[in-house]
C-alpha atoms as a PDB file:
ATOM      1  CA  MET A   1     144.563 171.352  78.391  1.00  0.00           C
ATOM      2  CA  THR A   2     145.579 168.282  76.375  1.00  0.00           C
ATOM      3  CA  ASP A   3     147.597 165.191  77.083  1.00  0.00           C
ATOM      4  CA  ILE A   4     149.704 165.573  73.918  1.00  0.00           C
ATOM      5  CA  LYS A   5     153.253 166.553  74.825  1.00  0.00           C
ATOM      6  CA  LEU A   6     156.089 167.772  72.635  1.00  0.00           C
ATOM      7  CA  PHE A   7     158.580 164.920  72.197  1.00  0.00           C
ATOM      8  CA  GLY A   8     156.533 163.134  74.874  1.00  0.00           C
ATOM      9  CA  LYS A   9     158.020 165.407  77.580  1.00  0.00           C
ATOM     10  CA  TRP A  10     156.795 169.011  77.487  1.00  0.00           C
ATOM     11  CA  ASP A  11     153.292 170.442  77.772  1.00  0.00           C
ATOM     12  CA  TYR A  12     151.816 172.986  75.407  1.00  0.00           C
ATOM     13  CA  ASP A  13     150.433 175.100  78.257  1.00  0.00           C
ATOM     14  CA  VAL A  14     152.121 178.297  77.089  1.00  0.00           C
ATOM     15  CA  ILE A  15     150.606 181.754  77.137  1.00  0.00           C
ATOM     16  CA  VAL A  16     151.751 184.314  74.569  1.00  0.00           C
ATOM     17  CA  LYS A  17     151.588 187.703  76.270  1.00  0.00           C
ATOM     18  CA  ASP A  18     152.281 189.838  73.193  1.00  0.00           C
ATOM     19  CA  LYS A  19     148.921 190.388  71.482  1.00  0.00           C
ATOM     20  CA  GLY A  20     150.587 191.362  68.204  1.00  0.00           C
ATOM     21  CA  MET A  21     152.510 188.090  67.971  1.00  0.00           C
ATOM     22  CA  GLU A  22     149.731 185.880  69.297  1.00  0.00           C
ATOM     23  CA  LYS A  23     148.219 185.028  65.914  1.00  0.00           C
ATOM     24  CA  TYR A  24     151.641 184.251  64.389  1.00  0.00           C
ATOM     25  CA  ILE A  25     152.870 181.859  67.096  1.00  0.00           C
ATOM     26  CA  SER A  26     151.093 178.551  66.699  1.00  0.00           C
ATOM     27  CA  LEU A  27     151.152 176.215  69.681  1.00  0.00           C
ATOM     28  CA  THR A  28     149.014 173.470  68.205  1.00  0.00           C
ATOM     29  CA  PRO A  29     149.752 170.234  70.075  1.00  0.00           C
ATOM     30  CA  VAL A  30     151.779 167.718  68.057  1.00  0.00           C
ATOM     31  CA  TYR A  31     153.983 164.844  69.191  1.00  0.00           C
ATOM     32  CA  ILE A  32     156.702 165.424  66.604  1.00  0.00           C
ATOM     33  CA  PRO A  33     156.806 168.819  64.835  1.00  0.00           C
ATOM     34  CA  HIS A  34     157.163 167.542  61.264  1.00  0.00           C
ATOM     35  CA  THR A  35     154.437 168.435  58.746  1.00  0.00           C
ATOM     36  CA  SER A  36     156.375 167.274  55.660  1.00  0.00           C
ATOM     37  CA  GLY A  37     155.683 170.528  53.855  1.00  0.00           C
ATOM     38  CA  ARG A  38     151.896 170.215  53.831  1.00  0.00           C
ATOM     39  CA  THR A  39     151.505 173.968  54.179  1.00  0.00           C
ATOM     40  CA  TRP A  40     154.026 174.916  51.491  1.00  0.00           C
ATOM     41  CA  GLY A  41     152.893 177.605  49.083  1.00  0.00           C
ATOM     42  CA  LYS A  42     149.750 178.546  50.978  1.00  0.00           C
ATOM     43  CA  GLN A  43     149.216 182.098  52.105  1.00  0.00           C
ATOM     44  CA  PHE A  44     150.024 182.716  55.782  1.00  0.00           C
ATOM     45  CA  SER A  45     150.967 179.065  56.227  1.00  0.00           C
ATOM     46  CA  LYS A  46     153.806 179.909  58.610  1.00  0.00           C
ATOM     47  CA  SER A  47     151.326 181.275  61.126  1.00  0.00           C
ATOM     48  CA  LYS A  48     149.595 177.876  61.251  1.00  0.00           C
ATOM     49  CA  MET A  49     152.842 175.877  61.578  1.00  0.00           C
ATOM     50  CA  ASN A  50     153.977 174.874  65.064  1.00  0.00           C
ATOM     51  CA  ILE A  51     156.589 177.282  66.440  1.00  0.00           C
ATOM     52  CA  VAL A  52     158.987 174.431  67.271  1.00  0.00           C
ATOM     53  CA  GLU A  53     158.872 173.215  63.674  1.00  0.00           C
ATOM     54  CA  ARG A  54     159.644 176.729  62.494  1.00  0.00           C
ATOM     55  CA  LEU A  55     162.702 176.715  64.779  1.00  0.00           C
ATOM     56  CA  VAL A  56     163.815 173.343  63.404  1.00  0.00           C
ATOM     57  CA  ASN A  57     163.370 174.542  59.829  1.00  0.00           C
ATOM     58  CA  ARG A  58     165.533 177.574  60.570  1.00  0.00           C
ATOM     59  CA  LEU A  59     168.244 175.329  61.991  1.00  0.00           C
ATOM     60  CA  MET A  60     168.354 173.279  58.806  1.00  0.00           C
ATOM     61  CA  ARG A  61     169.499 176.304  56.857  1.00  0.00           C
ATOM     62  CA  SER A  62     173.233 176.627  56.583  1.00  0.00           C
ATOM     63  CA  GLY A  63     175.739 179.297  55.719  1.00  0.00           C
ATOM     64  CA  GLN A  64     176.121 182.853  56.821  1.00  0.00           C
ATOM     65  CA  GLY A  65     172.764 184.077  55.629  1.00  0.00           C
ATOM     66  CA  THR A  66     173.475 187.785  56.023  1.00  0.00           C
ATOM     67  CA  ARG A  67     175.805 188.312  53.077  1.00  0.00           C
ATOM     68  CA  LYS A  68     174.306 188.691  49.620  1.00  0.00           C
ATOM     69  CA  VAL A  69     175.981 187.940  46.313  1.00  0.00           C
ATOM     70  CA  ALA A  70     174.066 188.893  43.167  1.00  0.00           C
ATOM     71  CA  GLY A  71     170.980 189.624  45.263  1.00  0.00           C
ATOM     72  CA  LYS A  72     170.847 186.170  46.871  1.00  0.00           C
ATOM     73  CA  TYR A  73     171.877 184.885  50.265  1.00  0.00           C
ATOM     74  CA  ILE A  74     174.844 182.544  50.301  1.00  0.00           C
ATOM     75  CA  ARG A  75     174.015 179.219  51.904  1.00  0.00           C
ATOM     76  CA  GLY A  76     175.950 175.993  51.964  1.00  0.00           C
ATOM     77  CA  ARG A  77     174.444 172.562  51.578  1.00  0.00           C
ATOM     78  CA  GLY A  78     175.849 170.676  54.559  1.00  0.00           C
ATOM     79  CA  ASN A  79     172.894 170.707  56.961  1.00  0.00           C
ATOM     80  CA  THR A  80     169.981 171.188  54.634  1.00  0.00           C
ATOM     81  CA  GLY A  81     167.348 168.477  54.445  1.00  0.00           C
ATOM     82  CA  GLN A  82     168.364 166.656  57.615  1.00  0.00           C
ATOM     83  CA  LYS A  83     165.306 167.358  59.715  1.00  0.00           C
ATOM     84  CA  MET A  84     165.659 164.411  62.082  1.00  0.00           C
ATOM     85  CA  ASN A  85     169.124 165.620  63.133  1.00  0.00           C
ATOM     86  CA  ALA A  86     167.729 169.110  63.695  1.00  0.00           C
ATOM     87  CA  LEU A  87     164.829 167.668  65.732  1.00  0.00           C
ATOM     88  CA  LYS A  88     167.288 165.756  67.919  1.00  0.00           C
ATOM     89  CA  ALA A  89     169.346 168.920  68.441  1.00  0.00           C
ATOM     90  CA  VAL A  90     166.267 170.904  69.492  1.00  0.00           C
ATOM     91  CA  GLU A  91     165.142 168.126  71.839  1.00  0.00           C
ATOM     92  CA  LYS A  92     168.597 168.015  73.471  1.00  0.00           C
ATOM     93  CA  ALA A  93     168.574 171.805  73.798  1.00  0.00           C
ATOM     94  CA  PHE A  94     165.158 171.688  75.472  1.00  0.00           C
ATOM     95  CA  ASP A  95     166.487 168.967  77.816  1.00  0.00           C
ATOM     96  CA  ILE A  96     169.433 171.167  78.794  1.00  0.00           C
ATOM     97  CA  VAL A  97     167.191 174.179  79.422  1.00  0.00           C
ATOM     98  CA  ALA A  98     164.775 172.082  81.509  1.00  0.00           C
ATOM     99  CA  GLU A  99     167.663 170.617  83.509  1.00  0.00           C
ATOM    100  CA  GLN A 100     169.235 173.999  84.249  1.00  0.00           C
ATOM    101  CA  THR A 101     166.044 175.908  85.019  1.00  0.00           C
ATOM    102  CA  LYS A 102     164.152 173.035  86.700  1.00  0.00           C
ATOM    103  CA  LYS A 103     161.051 174.180  84.788  1.00  0.00           C
ATOM    104  CA  ASN A 104     159.032 172.767  81.934  1.00  0.00           C
END
């Protein structure tokens, strides 16, 4: 397919079997999944963002997230905005999965 690999290690040769989710899971090849908010505020921008970057962005959120106070979710501020740390954590997690499963 392409010679671009995620973090320089993993191929983007992934097939999404669920037809309903296929248009919402973007597997566009990028070296580092960091768009710097270029798609912010645009309609359906999440569907065009790489799925790994969406995972990293979810990791940067902190707090419980399921409990509401005054109609808003309670979130702390400890891990927010530290995308490079979240990228390193995801890369290490992918390394562990690849080591245990012996698959890409």
